[in-house]
Amino acid sequence: MMIPEINPDHAAIIPAQRRRLGCKRGFVAVKPNCSLQSYVPAIDPLMPFGPKDIFVSTYQAISGAGKTFTTCRDDGQRDPVHQGRGAEV
């Protein structure tokens, strides 16, 4: 996986990949999804401090369907971030 801010050295494999595939331009790279792109660059500088646990919550399945957390809940509860204050928050 290539995240240029974290591992730009992975681009060094491109010439070998082109030789192997017999092409002169273009390359195949695995790119992170949108949630990884947002938090991995922020976490990377913390790695020298040896974090033991990192908790991440994403709501991709909800947002990908064009819904918000408050409209998606099926148990009658509001988004805990809003804590019952209404959608105008």
C-alpha atoms as a PDB file:
ATOM      1  CA  MET A   1       0.000   0.000   0.000  1.00  0.00           C
ATOM      2  CA  MET A   2       1.317   3.401  -0.882  1.00  0.00           C
ATOM      3  CA  ILE A   3       0.710   6.443   1.291  1.00  0.00           C
ATOM      4  CA  PRO A   4       3.140   9.065  -0.056  1.00  0.00           C
ATOM      5  CA  GLU A   5       3.289  11.006   3.219  1.00  0.00           C
ATOM      6  CA  ILE A   6       4.294   7.840   5.093  1.00  0.00           C
ATOM      7  CA  ASN A   7       6.205   5.585   2.695  1.00  0.00           C
ATOM      8  CA  PRO A   8       7.321   7.512  -0.412  1.00  0.00           C
ATOM      9  CA  ASP A   9      10.161   4.987  -0.833  1.00  0.00           C
ATOM     10  CA  HIS A  10       7.599   2.427  -2.013  1.00  0.00           C
ATOM     11  CA  ALA A  11       7.532   4.287  -5.340  1.00  0.00           C
ATOM     12  CA  ALA A  12      11.004   2.839  -5.995  1.00  0.00           C
ATOM     13  CA  ILE A  13       9.362  -0.449  -7.029  1.00  0.00           C
ATOM     14  CA  ILE A  14       7.673   1.172 -10.054  1.00  0.00           C
ATOM     15  CA  PRO A  15      10.611   0.659 -12.507  1.00  0.00           C
ATOM     16  CA  ALA A  16      10.857  -3.036 -11.570  1.00  0.00           C
ATOM     17  CA  GLN A  17       7.096  -3.419 -11.936  1.00  0.00           C
ATOM     18  CA  ARG A  18       7.182  -1.817 -15.391  1.00  0.00           C
ATOM     19  CA  ARG A  19       9.982  -4.173 -16.487  1.00  0.00           C
ATOM     20  CA  ARG A  20       8.098  -7.184 -15.151  1.00  0.00           C
ATOM     21  CA  LEU A  21       4.852  -6.168 -16.870  1.00  0.00           C
ATOM     22  CA  GLY A  22       6.576  -5.014 -20.060  1.00  0.00           C
ATOM     23  CA  CYS A  23       5.201  -1.479 -20.038  1.00  0.00           C
ATOM     24  CA  LYS A  24       6.873   1.921 -20.286  1.00  0.00           C
ATOM     25  CA  ARG A  25       4.408   4.075 -18.381  1.00  0.00           C
ATOM     26  CA  GLY A  26       1.828   3.722 -15.681  1.00  0.00           C
ATOM     27  CA  PHE A  27       1.936   1.399 -12.699  1.00  0.00           C
ATOM     28  CA  VAL A  28      -0.298  -0.546 -10.377  1.00  0.00           C
ATOM     29  CA  ALA A  29      -0.494   0.676  -6.793  1.00  0.00           C
ATOM     30  CA  VAL A  30      -2.760  -0.129  -3.891  1.00  0.00           C
ATOM     31  CA  LYS A  31      -4.155   3.131  -2.571  1.00  0.00           C
ATOM     32  CA  PRO A  32      -5.675   3.519   0.891  1.00  0.00           C
ATOM     33  CA  ASN A  33      -9.355   4.192   1.271  1.00  0.00           C
ATOM     34  CA  CYS A  34     -10.615   7.590   2.387  1.00  0.00           C
ATOM     35  CA  SER A  35     -10.666   6.784   6.104  1.00  0.00           C
ATOM     36  CA  LEU A  36      -7.018   5.672   6.150  1.00  0.00           C
ATOM     37  CA  GLN A  37      -5.948   8.784   4.260  1.00  0.00           C
ATOM     38  CA  SER A  38      -7.327  10.978   7.012  1.00  0.00           C
ATOM     39  CA  TYR A  39      -5.916   9.387  10.160  1.00  0.00           C
ATOM     40  CA  VAL A  40      -2.744   7.491   9.214  1.00  0.00           C
ATOM     41  CA  PRO A  41      -0.716  10.658   8.444  1.00  0.00           C
ATOM     42  CA  ALA A  42      -1.735  12.031  11.852  1.00  0.00           C
ATOM     43  CA  ILE A  43      -0.801   8.817  13.677  1.00  0.00           C
ATOM     44  CA  ASP A  44       2.536   8.201  11.948  1.00  0.00           C
ATOM     45  CA  PRO A  45       4.480  10.891  13.886  1.00  0.00           C
ATOM     46  CA  LEU A  46       3.258   9.304  17.147  1.00  0.00           C
ATOM     47  CA  MET A  47       4.761   5.891  16.362  1.00  0.00           C
ATOM     48  CA  PRO A  48       8.196   6.644  17.920  1.00  0.00           C
ATOM     49  CA  PHE A  49       6.344   7.042  21.243  1.00  0.00           C
ATOM     50  CA  GLY A  50       5.093   3.452  20.987  1.00  0.00           C
ATOM     51  CA  PRO A  51       1.324   3.757  21.316  1.00  0.00           C
ATOM     52  CA  LYS A  52      -0.123   0.454  22.505  1.00  0.00           C
ATOM     53  CA  ASP A  53      -3.682   0.958  21.289  1.00  0.00           C
ATOM     54  CA  ILE A  54      -5.238   3.235  18.695  1.00  0.00           C
ATOM     55  CA  PHE A  55      -9.002   3.317  18.422  1.00  0.00           C
ATOM     56  CA  VAL A  56     -10.604   4.605  15.244  1.00  0.00           C
ATOM     57  CA  SER A  57     -14.280   4.791  14.358  1.00  0.00           C
ATOM     58  CA  THR A  58     -15.449   5.399  10.839  1.00  0.00           C
ATOM     59  CA  TYR A  59     -18.974   5.563   9.546  1.00  0.00           C
ATOM     60  CA  GLN A  60     -18.135   4.897   5.907  1.00  0.00           C
ATOM     61  CA  ALA A  61     -21.002   2.511   5.300  1.00  0.00           C
ATOM     62  CA  ILE A  62     -23.414   5.148   6.533  1.00  0.00           C
ATOM     63  CA  SER A  63     -21.918   8.104   4.663  1.00  0.00           C
ATOM     64  CA  GLY A  64     -21.455   6.047   1.515  1.00  0.00           C
ATOM     65  CA  ALA A  65     -25.202   5.553   1.412  1.00  0.00           C
ATOM     66  CA  GLY A  66     -25.791   9.318   1.609  1.00  0.00           C
ATOM     67  CA  LYS A  67     -27.139   9.127   5.152  1.00  0.00           C
ATOM     68  CA  THR A  68     -26.037  10.796   8.347  1.00  0.00           C
ATOM     69  CA  PHE A  69     -25.643   9.044  11.674  1.00  0.00           C
ATOM     70  CA  THR A  70     -28.760  10.768  13.042  1.00  0.00           C
ATOM     71  CA  THR A  71     -30.918   9.649  10.114  1.00  0.00           C
ATOM     72  CA  CYS A  72     -29.483   6.140  10.002  1.00  0.00           C
ATOM     73  CA  ARG A  73     -30.049   4.997  13.582  1.00  0.00           C
ATOM     74  CA  ASP A  74     -32.883   2.493  13.767  1.00  0.00           C
ATOM     75  CA  ASP A  75     -33.184   2.327  17.559  1.00  0.00           C
ATOM     76  CA  GLY A  76     -34.675   5.801  18.081  1.00  0.00           C
ATOM     77  CA  GLN A  77     -31.460   7.135  19.639  1.00  0.00           C
ATOM     78  CA  ARG A  78     -29.771  10.342  18.548  1.00  0.00           C
ATOM     79  CA  ASP A  79     -26.156  10.662  17.535  1.00  0.00           C
ATOM     80  CA  PRO A  80     -24.157  10.597  20.812  1.00  0.00           C
ATOM     81  CA  VAL A  81     -22.088  13.552  19.609  1.00  0.00           C
ATOM     82  CA  HIS A  82     -25.198  15.711  19.555  1.00  0.00           C
ATOM     83  CA  GLN A  83     -26.429  14.234  22.847  1.00  0.00           C
ATOM     84  CA  GLY A  84     -30.068  14.962  22.096  1.00  0.00           C
ATOM     85  CA  ARG A  85     -29.501  18.643  21.195  1.00  0.00           C
ATOM     86  CA  GLY A  86     -31.095  18.379  17.767  1.00  0.00           C
ATOM     87  CA  ALA A  87     -29.845  18.409  14.219  1.00  0.00           C
ATOM     88  CA  GLU A  88     -29.050  22.133  14.160  1.00  0.00           C
ATOM     89  CA  VAL A  89     -25.890  21.535  16.215  1.00  0.00           C
END
